[in-house]
Structure formats: structure tokens, C-alpha cells
N, C-alpha and C. Protein backbone atom coordinates (compact mmCIF):
# COMPACT_ATOMS: atom_id res chain seq x y z
N UNK A 1 0.38 -126.10 41.92
CA UNK A 1 -0.86 -125.81 41.17
C UNK A 1 -1.22 -124.21 41.55
N UNK A 2 -1.50 -123.50 40.48
CA UNK A 2 -2.07 -122.07 40.78
C UNK A 2 -3.38 -122.05 41.66
N UNK A 3 -3.32 -121.09 42.65
CA UNK A 3 -4.62 -120.96 43.35
C UNK A 3 -5.36 -119.96 43.04
N UNK A 4 -6.67 -120.06 43.39
CA UNK A 4 -7.66 -118.99 42.94
C UNK A 4 -8.47 -118.68 44.10
N UNK A 5 -8.63 -117.50 44.46
CA UNK A 5 -9.52 -116.98 45.64
C UNK A 5 -10.90 -116.58 45.10
N UNK A 6 -11.83 -117.20 45.62
CA UNK A 6 -13.23 -116.81 45.24
C UNK A 6 -13.54 -115.47 45.71
N UNK A 7 -14.05 -114.61 44.80
CA UNK A 7 -14.32 -113.31 45.06
C UNK A 7 -15.73 -113.21 45.80
N UNK A 8 -16.47 -114.34 45.99
CA UNK A 8 -17.60 -114.33 46.75
C UNK A 8 -17.47 -114.54 48.46
N UNK A 9 -16.71 -115.61 48.60
CA UNK A 9 -16.50 -116.21 50.04
C UNK A 9 -15.00 -115.98 50.37
N UNK A 10 -14.03 -115.70 49.52
CA UNK A 10 -12.77 -115.55 50.01
C UNK A 10 -11.90 -116.90 50.13
N UNK A 11 -12.51 -117.98 49.88
CA UNK A 11 -11.77 -119.41 49.95
C UNK A 11 -10.81 -119.46 48.88
N UNK A 12 -9.71 -119.97 49.02
CA UNK A 12 -8.65 -120.39 48.29
C UNK A 12 -8.87 -121.85 47.62
N UNK A 13 -8.97 -121.86 46.43
CA UNK A 13 -9.08 -123.35 45.77
C UNK A 13 -8.17 -123.46 44.70
N UNK A 14 -8.08 -124.62 44.11
CA UNK A 14 -7.36 -124.84 42.94
C UNK A 14 -7.90 -124.18 41.70
N UNK A 15 -7.23 -123.55 40.76
CA UNK A 15 -7.58 -122.86 39.69
C UNK A 15 -8.69 -123.72 38.84
N UNK A 16 -8.38 -124.92 38.73
CA UNK A 16 -9.26 -125.79 37.74
C UNK A 16 -10.67 -126.08 38.38
N UNK A 17 -10.92 -125.76 39.65
CA UNK A 17 -12.24 -125.80 40.19
C UNK A 17 -13.12 -124.55 40.16
N UNK A 18 -12.56 -123.54 39.50
CA UNK A 18 -13.14 -122.31 39.25
C UNK A 18 -14.24 -122.52 38.26
N UNK A 19 -15.57 -122.11 38.66
CA UNK A 19 -16.60 -122.48 37.85
C UNK A 19 -17.63 -121.29 37.56
N UNK A 20 -18.04 -121.19 36.44
CA UNK A 20 -19.05 -120.39 36.03
C UNK A 20 -19.38 -120.44 34.71
N UNK A 21 -20.60 -120.94 34.29
CA UNK A 21 -21.09 -121.24 32.90
C UNK A 21 -21.93 -119.97 32.52
N UNK A 22 -21.31 -118.93 32.05
CA UNK A 22 -22.01 -117.75 31.72
C UNK A 22 -23.26 -117.81 30.86
N UNK A 23 -23.10 -118.49 29.78
CA UNK A 23 -24.27 -118.40 28.92
C UNK A 23 -25.39 -119.28 29.52
N UNK A 24 -25.12 -120.42 29.83
CA UNK A 24 -26.18 -121.30 30.42
C UNK A 24 -26.75 -120.85 31.77
N UNK A 25 -26.29 -119.93 32.52
CA UNK A 25 -26.71 -119.66 33.89
C UNK A 25 -26.85 -118.15 34.14
N UNK A 26 -27.42 -117.49 33.10
CA UNK A 26 -27.59 -115.91 33.38
C UNK A 26 -28.35 -115.63 34.60
N UNK A 27 -29.35 -116.65 35.04
CA UNK A 27 -30.21 -116.39 36.15
C UNK A 27 -29.06 -116.29 37.48
N UNK A 28 -28.14 -117.14 37.34
CA UNK A 28 -27.05 -117.25 38.49
C UNK A 28 -26.46 -116.04 38.55
N UNK A 29 -25.93 -115.51 37.45
CA UNK A 29 -25.06 -114.28 37.29
C UNK A 29 -25.86 -113.09 37.86
N UNK A 30 -27.08 -113.04 37.59
CA UNK A 30 -27.95 -112.01 37.82
C UNK A 30 -28.10 -111.98 39.52
N UNK A 31 -28.36 -113.26 40.15
CA UNK A 31 -28.58 -113.42 41.52
C UNK A 31 -27.18 -113.11 42.25
N UNK A 32 -26.02 -113.45 41.64
CA UNK A 32 -24.95 -113.18 42.50
C UNK A 32 -24.68 -111.68 42.40
N UNK A 33 -24.86 -110.92 41.26
CA UNK A 33 -24.68 -109.64 41.13
C UNK A 33 -25.69 -108.70 42.16
N UNK A 34 -26.71 -109.27 42.29
CA UNK A 34 -27.67 -108.61 43.18
C UNK A 34 -27.11 -108.63 44.66
N UNK A 35 -26.37 -109.74 44.93
CA UNK A 35 -25.84 -109.72 46.45
C UNK A 35 -24.40 -109.31 46.48
N UNK A 36 -23.75 -109.25 45.45
CA UNK A 36 -22.29 -108.74 45.27
C UNK A 36 -22.27 -107.89 43.96
N UNK A 37 -22.63 -106.75 44.07
CA UNK A 37 -22.67 -105.80 42.98
C UNK A 37 -21.17 -105.45 42.61
N UNK A 38 -20.23 -105.62 43.23
CA UNK A 38 -18.70 -105.44 42.90
C UNK A 38 -17.96 -106.61 41.95
N UNK A 39 -18.83 -107.94 42.11
CA UNK A 39 -18.40 -108.89 41.40
C UNK A 39 -18.53 -108.94 40.05
N UNK A 40 -17.39 -109.46 39.17
CA UNK A 40 -17.43 -109.45 37.70
C UNK A 40 -17.71 -110.76 37.33
N UNK A 41 -18.41 -111.26 36.51
CA UNK A 41 -18.72 -112.51 36.24
C UNK A 41 -17.45 -113.22 35.52
N UNK A 42 -16.55 -112.39 34.84
CA UNK A 42 -15.40 -112.98 34.22
C UNK A 42 -14.37 -113.51 35.25
N UNK A 43 -14.62 -113.11 36.69
CA UNK A 43 -13.93 -113.54 37.76
C UNK A 43 -14.25 -114.99 38.20
N UNK A 44 -15.47 -115.32 37.82
CA UNK A 44 -15.96 -116.73 38.30
C UNK A 44 -16.27 -116.77 39.59
N UNK A 45 -16.39 -118.04 40.17
CA UNK A 45 -16.59 -118.20 41.59
C UNK A 45 -16.33 -119.74 41.76
N UNK A 46 -16.13 -120.19 42.92
CA UNK A 46 -15.71 -121.52 43.31
C UNK A 46 -17.09 -122.34 43.49
N UNK A 47 -16.78 -123.58 43.15
CA UNK A 47 -17.84 -124.49 43.14
C UNK A 47 -18.79 -124.60 44.32
N UNK A 48 -18.31 -124.37 45.57
CA UNK A 48 -19.21 -124.36 46.76
C UNK A 48 -20.03 -123.15 46.70
N UNK A 49 -19.60 -122.08 46.21
CA UNK A 49 -20.48 -120.95 46.13
C UNK A 49 -21.53 -121.15 45.02
N UNK A 50 -21.09 -121.52 44.04
CA UNK A 50 -22.12 -121.84 42.84
C UNK A 50 -23.20 -122.74 43.10
N UNK A 51 -22.73 -123.77 44.06
CA UNK A 51 -23.77 -124.85 44.51
C UNK A 51 -24.61 -124.18 45.41
N UNK A 52 -24.18 -123.50 46.28
CA UNK A 52 -25.06 -122.83 47.24
C UNK A 52 -26.19 -122.02 46.66
N UNK A 53 -25.79 -121.16 45.56
CA UNK A 53 -26.68 -120.35 44.88
C UNK A 53 -27.78 -121.21 44.17
N UNK A 54 -27.29 -122.38 43.75
CA UNK A 54 -28.20 -123.28 43.04
C UNK A 54 -29.08 -123.84 43.93
N UNK A 55 -28.63 -124.29 45.04
CA UNK A 55 -29.59 -124.94 46.10
C UNK A 55 -30.48 -123.96 46.64
N UNK A 56 -30.29 -122.63 46.79
CA UNK A 56 -31.23 -121.57 47.13
C UNK A 56 -32.41 -121.43 46.18
N UNK A 57 -32.07 -121.64 44.96
CA UNK A 57 -33.01 -121.69 43.66
C UNK A 57 -33.97 -122.76 43.81
N UNK A 58 -33.26 -123.87 44.01
CA UNK A 58 -34.09 -125.20 44.05
C UNK A 58 -34.89 -125.18 45.17
N UNK A 59 -34.54 -124.67 46.32
CA UNK A 59 -35.38 -124.71 47.58
C UNK A 59 -36.50 -123.75 47.31
N UNK A 60 -36.28 -122.67 46.63
CA UNK A 60 -37.37 -121.72 46.38
C UNK A 60 -38.17 -122.24 45.24
N UNK A 61 -37.88 -122.95 44.34
CA UNK A 61 -38.79 -123.41 43.34
C UNK A 61 -39.61 -124.67 43.83
N UNK A 62 -39.01 -125.45 44.81
CA UNK A 62 -39.92 -126.50 45.36
C UNK A 62 -40.86 -126.05 46.39
N UNK A 63 -40.70 -124.83 46.73
CA UNK A 63 -41.73 -124.29 47.92
C UNK A 63 -43.11 -124.07 47.19
């Protein structure tokens, strides 16, 4: 199976786990770009990185 290297954390994962829903999650794209200005949304990100960004937002929203 083809491998994909997450541009945010550098972890290698299987290509089918590459995740980013650009239209539905523009807030997520904006947050990643603030922390990783070199990142291109078309490159996507791995599920653990996406979940970490979502968890940070949920923690902030529940405060």
C-alpha cells in the first residue's frame, strides 16, 4: 500500500487515512496554517493531527 507522510508531524501512514475535509472545516485549515504557514491544504494531514486540532478547539469551546 502506498505510504503518506503527514506534513505536520512527519508520521508515515497508509494513504487511505489521509484526511482533510476542506469545505466543511475551513476553521481547521486556518488554524493549521497559522501554526504551519508552509502547509498546503491539498497535501492533507493524518487523522491523529486532525483529531488533535479538533480536540484543542473542543477544549477551548468548553472552557
